[in-house]
Amino acid sequence: MRLIGVAAAGMLMLTSPLFVSADEIVSARHHADTLFSADHAFGAASAKLEGLAGLKAAFADDVIVPVPGKDFANGKQEVLAALRKNAKIDTAHIEWAPVRVGISADGNQGFSFGFMDQHQADGTTLPYKYLSYWQRQGKAWKIVAWKRGKRLDGEVERIPMPPLLPATVATQGDKAQLDAAEQAFSDEAQTIGLGPAFAKFGTVDSMNLGGAGHVGIVFGAQAIARLVSDGQAEEGSTVSWSADRVIVAASGDLGVSIGHIRFNKPGDDGSERAPIPFFTVWRRAAPDQPWRYVAE
């Protein structure tokens, strides 16, 4: 992937023909650090609070969350109501910490992912992993799209990874291009297969939460392709999808697509299966480079 890399001495190696100035590099790293700190602080504060108070503080008023087996919960109040269907959550202590963040070139949007633990009042702990998409609202970072998934109990690598920093100077954002990229991703899967499409439209920096059957997070397009290929034929796909809404940074290098995954065939009993809500974070290495998914 044509991204900047930060060497141990702090020098930058660029494979894109567009150079980022020293001031922009420092600014991007600063914005990434503030996002990481904000996410970490929200998670640490939540550990000392009861119930959903910590998440409520982190969520934007218009936050959107996919609800497994249902659809999206839209807005903070609807999201909190959906989470309260989790048994005993109001007496639990929820803590989390990010593993990695990514930032847009304009410093106003970003994403984070990491691990979450829900400590129940009875002394047990429910282990989770999460993905958040953030927007800067005034001087504060707020989550506008969020999901968490169960994970197998076990040791996970919690050491922070280097942030994903922008590779180019700011350009104009284009929602239509990101919407088209999501559609092309689905269309390609119908012909070359789901796994090969995930390999093609991702990068070595892409991540997937990995599902409840994994302890940790799955990294890299090839590993994600193997993950999603389970139960799929060599060609074609059992599902198709599209974005209903996209959010793109003004700098045009980071965005999130929000939509539904649909089954291409009815269930075994002939009934139509309900669509699955999803959101995917996308990143573009340079204005002349294609969008590639980076977190889902």
Protein backbone atom coordinates (compact mmCIF):
# COMPACT_ATOMS: atom_id res chain seq x y z
CA MET A 1 0.00 0.00 0.00
CA ARG A 2 1.32 3.44 -0.87
CA LEU A 3 1.47 4.87 2.64
CA ILE A 4 4.01 6.75 4.65
CA GLY A 5 6.00 4.75 7.15
CA VAL A 6 7.64 6.14 10.26
CA ALA A 7 11.16 4.83 10.78
CA ALA A 8 12.67 4.42 14.22
CA ALA A 9 14.58 7.65 13.89
CA GLY A 10 11.42 9.52 12.96
CA MET A 11 12.26 9.90 9.26
CA LEU A 12 9.51 9.34 6.72
CA MET A 13 9.67 7.19 3.61
CA LEU A 14 7.16 8.16 0.94
CA THR A 15 6.15 5.97 -1.96
CA SER A 16 3.53 8.45 -3.13
CA PRO A 17 4.65 11.17 -5.56
CA LEU A 18 2.92 13.77 -3.38
CA PHE A 19 5.01 14.88 -0.42
CA VAL A 20 3.66 15.93 2.93
CA SER A 21 5.39 18.89 4.53
CA ALA A 22 7.14 18.58 7.87
CA ASP A 23 4.48 20.75 9.50
CA GLU A 24 1.70 18.56 8.11
CA ILE A 25 3.47 15.44 9.37
CA VAL A 26 3.76 16.86 12.86
CA SER A 27 0.14 18.02 12.74
CA ALA A 28 -1.14 14.61 11.59
CA ARG A 29 0.74 12.82 14.35
CA HIS A 30 -0.61 15.32 16.88
CA HIS A 31 -4.19 14.71 15.71
CA ALA A 32 -3.66 10.93 15.87
CA ASP A 33 -2.25 11.22 19.38
CA THR A 34 -5.20 13.33 20.56
CA LEU A 35 -7.64 10.76 19.17
CA PHE A 36 -5.79 7.88 20.83
CA SER A 37 -5.72 9.79 24.11
CA ALA A 38 -9.42 10.63 23.87
CA ASP A 39 -10.43 7.02 23.27
CA HIS A 40 -8.13 5.80 26.04
CA ALA A 41 -9.46 8.42 28.47
CA PHE A 42 -13.09 7.57 27.73
CA GLY A 43 -12.36 3.88 28.34
CA ALA A 44 -10.47 4.51 31.57
CA ALA A 45 -13.18 6.82 32.90
CA SER A 46 -15.87 4.29 32.00
CA ALA A 47 -14.15 1.65 34.15
CA LYS A 48 -14.89 3.77 37.21
CA LEU A 49 -18.53 4.33 36.27
CA GLU A 50 -21.49 2.03 36.40
CA GLY A 51 -23.40 0.93 33.33
CA LEU A 52 -23.37 2.89 30.09
CA ALA A 53 -22.26 6.27 31.43
CA GLY A 54 -18.81 5.98 29.83
CA LEU A 55 -20.11 5.06 26.40
CA LYS A 56 -22.80 7.72 26.63
CA ALA A 57 -20.09 10.34 27.13
CA ALA A 58 -18.13 9.11 24.10
CA PHE A 59 -21.06 8.84 21.69
CA ALA A 60 -22.15 11.69 19.42
CA ASP A 61 -25.84 12.52 19.50
CA ASP A 62 -26.24 11.03 16.00
CA VAL A 63 -24.14 7.91 16.58
CA ILE A 64 -25.15 4.82 14.58
CA VAL A 65 -24.60 1.23 15.74
CA PRO A 66 -25.40 -2.05 13.94
CA VAL A 67 -27.50 -4.30 16.18
CA PRO A 68 -26.86 -8.04 15.55
CA GLY A 69 -29.97 -9.82 14.31
CA LYS A 70 -31.81 -6.54 13.80
CA ASP A 71 -30.89 -3.30 12.03
CA PHE A 72 -29.16 -0.08 13.00
CA ALA A 73 -29.78 1.77 16.21
CA ASN A 74 -29.79 5.46 15.21
CA GLY A 75 -28.96 8.20 17.69
CA LYS A 76 -27.55 8.07 21.19
CA GLN A 77 -30.81 7.31 23.00
CA GLU A 78 -31.75 4.47 20.64
CA VAL A 79 -28.24 3.02 20.87
CA LEU A 80 -28.25 3.08 24.67
CA ALA A 81 -31.67 1.43 24.72
CA ALA A 82 -30.39 -1.34 22.45
CA LEU A 83 -27.32 -1.91 24.62
CA ARG A 84 -29.48 -2.11 27.74
CA LYS A 85 -30.97 -5.32 26.37
CA ASN A 86 -27.61 -6.84 27.34
CA ALA A 87 -28.29 -8.60 30.65
CA LYS A 88 -27.10 -6.75 33.76
CA ILE A 89 -25.24 -4.08 31.79
CA ASP A 90 -26.53 -1.27 34.02
CA THR A 91 -24.65 -2.70 37.01
CA ALA A 92 -21.50 -3.57 35.05
CA HIS A 93 -18.26 -1.61 34.72
CA ILE A 94 -17.16 -1.30 31.09
CA GLU A 95 -13.56 -0.46 30.27
CA TRP A 96 -11.70 -0.35 26.98
CA ALA A 97 -8.44 0.77 25.41
CA PRO A 98 -7.46 1.32 21.78
CA VAL A 99 -4.79 -0.68 20.00
CA ARG A 100 -4.54 1.55 16.95
CA VAL A 101 -5.94 4.74 15.48
CA GLY A 102 -6.01 6.21 11.98
CA ILE A 103 -6.49 9.86 11.12
CA SER A 104 -7.61 11.90 8.11
CA ALA A 105 -5.31 14.49 6.57
CA ASP A 106 -7.51 17.34 7.79
CA GLY A 107 -7.38 15.97 11.34
CA ASN A 108 -11.16 16.01 11.77
CA GLN A 109 -12.04 12.34 11.31
CA GLY A 110 -10.45 9.12 12.45
CA PHE A 111 -11.01 5.58 13.62
CA SER A 112 -9.86 3.41 16.48
CA PHE A 113 -10.09 -0.23 17.45
CA GLY A 114 -9.13 -2.25 20.47
CA PHE A 115 -10.34 -4.43 23.30
CA MET A 116 -13.16 -3.99 25.80
CA ASP A 117 -14.01 -5.81 29.01
CA GLN A 118 -17.41 -5.72 30.66
CA HIS A 119 -16.99 -6.51 34.35
CA GLN A 120 -20.24 -7.86 35.71
CA ALA A 121 -21.45 -7.25 39.24
CA ASP A 122 -21.18 -10.99 39.97
CA GLY A 123 -17.42 -10.89 39.38
CA THR A 124 -17.40 -12.38 35.87
CA THR A 125 -16.02 -10.56 32.83
CA LEU A 126 -17.39 -10.52 29.29
CA PRO A 127 -14.57 -9.97 26.73
CA TYR A 128 -15.20 -7.86 23.62
CA LYS A 129 -13.36 -6.10 20.79
CA TYR A 130 -14.58 -2.86 19.22
CA LEU A 131 -14.30 -0.49 16.26
CA SER A 132 -15.14 3.23 16.41
CA TYR A 133 -15.35 5.95 13.77
CA TRP A 134 -14.84 9.43 15.16
CA GLN A 135 -15.50 13.03 14.18
CA ARG A 136 -14.09 16.12 15.82
CA GLN A 137 -17.00 18.18 17.14
CA GLY A 138 -15.65 21.51 18.31
CA LYS A 139 -12.61 20.64 20.41
CA ALA A 140 -13.90 17.18 21.36
CA TRP A 141 -13.72 13.82 19.62
CA LYS A 142 -17.04 11.97 19.42
CA ILE A 143 -17.98 8.52 18.08
CA VAL A 144 -20.36 8.61 15.11
CA ALA A 145 -20.27 4.88 14.20
CA TRP A 146 -19.47 2.08 16.64
CA LYS A 147 -19.65 -1.65 17.00
CA ARG A 148 -18.36 -4.24 19.37
CA GLY A 149 -18.21 -8.00 19.03
CA LYS A 150 -17.71 -10.84 21.44
CA ARG A 151 -14.35 -12.56 21.51
CA LEU A 152 -13.04 -15.77 22.99
CA ASP A 153 -11.53 -15.30 26.42
CA GLY A 154 -7.74 -15.37 26.31
CA GLU A 155 -4.63 -13.28 26.16
CA VAL A 156 -4.57 -10.58 23.48
CA GLU A 157 -1.87 -8.19 22.33
CA ARG A 158 -2.78 -4.83 23.84
CA ILE A 159 0.46 -2.98 23.02
CA PRO A 160 -0.47 0.06 20.88
CA MET A 161 0.41 -0.09 17.20
CA PRO A 162 1.81 2.93 15.29
CA PRO A 163 -1.02 5.18 14.06
CA LEU A 164 -2.03 5.15 10.42
CA LEU A 165 -1.15 8.65 9.26
CA PRO A 166 -2.22 10.38 6.03
CA ALA A 167 0.15 9.95 3.11
CA THR A 168 -0.74 13.06 1.11
CA VAL A 169 -1.77 16.66 1.46
CA ALA A 170 -5.46 17.40 1.83
CA THR A 171 -7.68 17.19 -1.24
CA GLN A 172 -11.40 17.50 -1.77
CA GLY A 173 -13.56 14.72 -0.36
CA ASP A 174 -15.95 12.86 -2.66
CA LYS A 175 -18.79 10.78 -1.18
CA ALA A 176 -19.79 9.47 -4.61
CA GLN A 177 -16.38 7.88 -5.14
CA LEU A 178 -16.52 6.05 -1.81
CA ASP A 179 -20.07 4.89 -2.48
CA ALA A 180 -18.93 3.60 -5.88
CA ALA A 181 -15.96 1.80 -4.29
CA GLU A 182 -18.26 -0.07 -1.89
CA GLN A 183 -20.53 -1.06 -4.78
CA ALA A 184 -17.56 -2.19 -6.90
CA PHE A 185 -16.35 -4.29 -3.96
CA SER A 186 -19.68 -6.14 -3.83
CA ASP A 187 -19.93 -6.46 -7.62
CA GLU A 188 -16.44 -7.94 -7.83
CA ALA A 189 -17.29 -10.51 -5.16
CA GLN A 190 -20.14 -11.81 -7.31
CA THR A 191 -17.68 -12.85 -10.04
CA ILE A 192 -14.29 -13.59 -8.45
CA GLY A 193 -15.57 -14.78 -5.08
CA LEU A 194 -15.91 -13.24 -1.63
CA GLY A 195 -12.42 -14.11 -0.41
CA PRO A 196 -10.59 -12.86 -3.53
CA ALA A 197 -12.62 -9.62 -3.41
CA PHE A 198 -11.58 -9.03 0.20
CA ALA A 199 -7.98 -9.69 -0.78
CA LYS A 200 -8.21 -7.25 -3.71
CA PHE A 201 -9.98 -4.39 -1.95
CA GLY A 202 -7.91 -4.48 1.24
CA THR A 203 -4.28 -3.87 2.14
CA VAL A 204 -1.68 -5.15 4.58
CA ASP A 205 -3.02 -2.54 7.04
CA SER A 206 -6.64 -3.74 6.87
CA MET A 207 -8.22 -5.20 9.99
CA ASN A 208 -11.32 -7.24 10.80
CA LEU A 209 -12.74 -7.76 14.28
CA GLY A 210 -12.65 -11.48 13.58
CA GLY A 211 -15.91 -12.64 15.08
CA ALA A 212 -16.76 -14.36 18.35
CA GLY A 213 -14.69 -17.41 17.42
CA HIS A 214 -11.41 -15.48 17.57
CA VAL A 215 -9.55 -14.23 20.60
CA GLY A 216 -7.93 -11.34 18.79
CA ILE A 217 -8.27 -9.16 15.71
CA VAL A 218 -7.48 -10.35 12.18
CA PHE A 219 -4.92 -8.23 10.28
CA GLY A 220 -4.09 -8.04 6.59
CA ALA A 221 -6.23 -8.48 3.48
CA GLN A 222 -5.01 -12.01 2.81
CA ALA A 223 -5.87 -13.23 6.33
CA ILE A 224 -9.25 -11.49 6.16
CA ALA A 225 -9.90 -13.13 2.79
CA ARG A 226 -9.32 -16.55 4.34
CA LEU A 227 -11.62 -15.64 7.22
CA VAL A 228 -14.58 -14.65 5.03
CA SER A 229 -14.05 -17.52 2.55
CA ASP A 230 -15.35 -20.08 5.05
CA GLY A 231 -18.49 -21.65 3.59
CA GLN A 232 -18.10 -19.86 0.26
CA ALA A 233 -17.78 -21.39 -3.20
CA GLU A 234 -14.60 -20.75 -5.18
CA GLU A 235 -16.48 -18.34 -7.43
CA GLY A 236 -19.31 -16.00 -6.69
CA SER A 237 -20.66 -14.96 -3.31
CA THR A 238 -23.57 -15.87 -1.08
CA VAL A 239 -24.06 -12.19 -0.22
CA SER A 240 -24.07 -8.76 -1.84
CA TRP A 241 -24.08 -5.34 -0.24
CA SER A 242 -24.22 -1.60 -0.76
CA ALA A 243 -23.88 1.63 1.18
CA ASP A 244 -26.95 3.55 2.25
CA ARG A 245 -24.85 6.41 3.58
CA VAL A 246 -21.21 7.47 3.48
CA ILE A 247 -19.22 9.94 5.55
CA VAL A 248 -15.99 11.28 4.02
CA ALA A 249 -13.40 13.61 5.52
CA ALA A 250 -12.99 16.94 3.74
CA SER A 251 -9.44 15.85 2.91
CA GLY A 252 -10.81 12.98 0.83
CA ASP A 253 -8.56 10.27 2.27
CA LEU A 254 -10.69 8.66 5.01
CA GLY A 255 -14.34 7.74 5.26
CA VAL A 256 -16.91 5.25 6.43
CA SER A 257 -19.63 3.44 4.47
CA ILE A 258 -22.83 2.43 6.26
CA GLY A 259 -25.22 -0.04 4.69
CA HIS A 260 -26.69 -3.55 4.52
CA ILE A 261 -25.43 -6.99 3.52
CA ARG A 262 -28.08 -9.03 1.71
CA PHE A 263 -28.23 -12.76 1.10
CA ASN A 264 -28.40 -13.69 -2.57
CA LYS A 265 -30.64 -16.69 -1.95
CA PRO A 266 -33.52 -17.36 0.48
CA GLY A 267 -33.08 -19.51 3.57
CA ASP A 268 -33.45 -23.29 3.55
CA ASP A 269 -37.16 -22.90 4.29
CA GLY A 270 -37.57 -20.55 1.34
CA SER A 271 -38.03 -17.44 3.44
CA GLU A 272 -36.20 -14.21 2.74
CA ARG A 273 -33.39 -13.58 5.19
CA ALA A 274 -33.11 -10.21 6.89
CA PRO A 275 -30.29 -7.91 5.72
CA ILE A 276 -27.30 -7.49 8.03
CA PRO A 277 -26.30 -3.93 8.96
CA PHE A 278 -22.62 -3.04 8.56
CA PHE A 279 -20.15 -0.20 8.47
CA THR A 280 -16.68 -0.22 6.98
CA VAL A 281 -13.84 2.29 7.31
CA TRP A 282 -12.08 3.16 4.05
CA ARG A 283 -8.76 4.85 3.33
CA ARG A 284 -7.17 6.29 0.21
CA ALA A 285 -3.39 6.46 -0.10
CA ALA A 286 -3.33 9.33 -2.60
CA PRO A 287 -5.80 11.32 -4.73
CA ASP A 288 -4.99 9.16 -7.76
CA GLN A 289 -5.23 5.90 -5.81
CA PRO A 290 -8.37 3.79 -5.22
CA TRP A 291 -10.28 3.54 -1.96
CA ARG A 292 -9.39 0.44 0.07
CA TYR A 293 -11.12 -0.83 3.20
CA VAL A 294 -8.96 -0.49 6.30
CA ALA A 295 -11.22 -1.49 9.21
CA GLU A 296 -14.44 -3.46 9.59
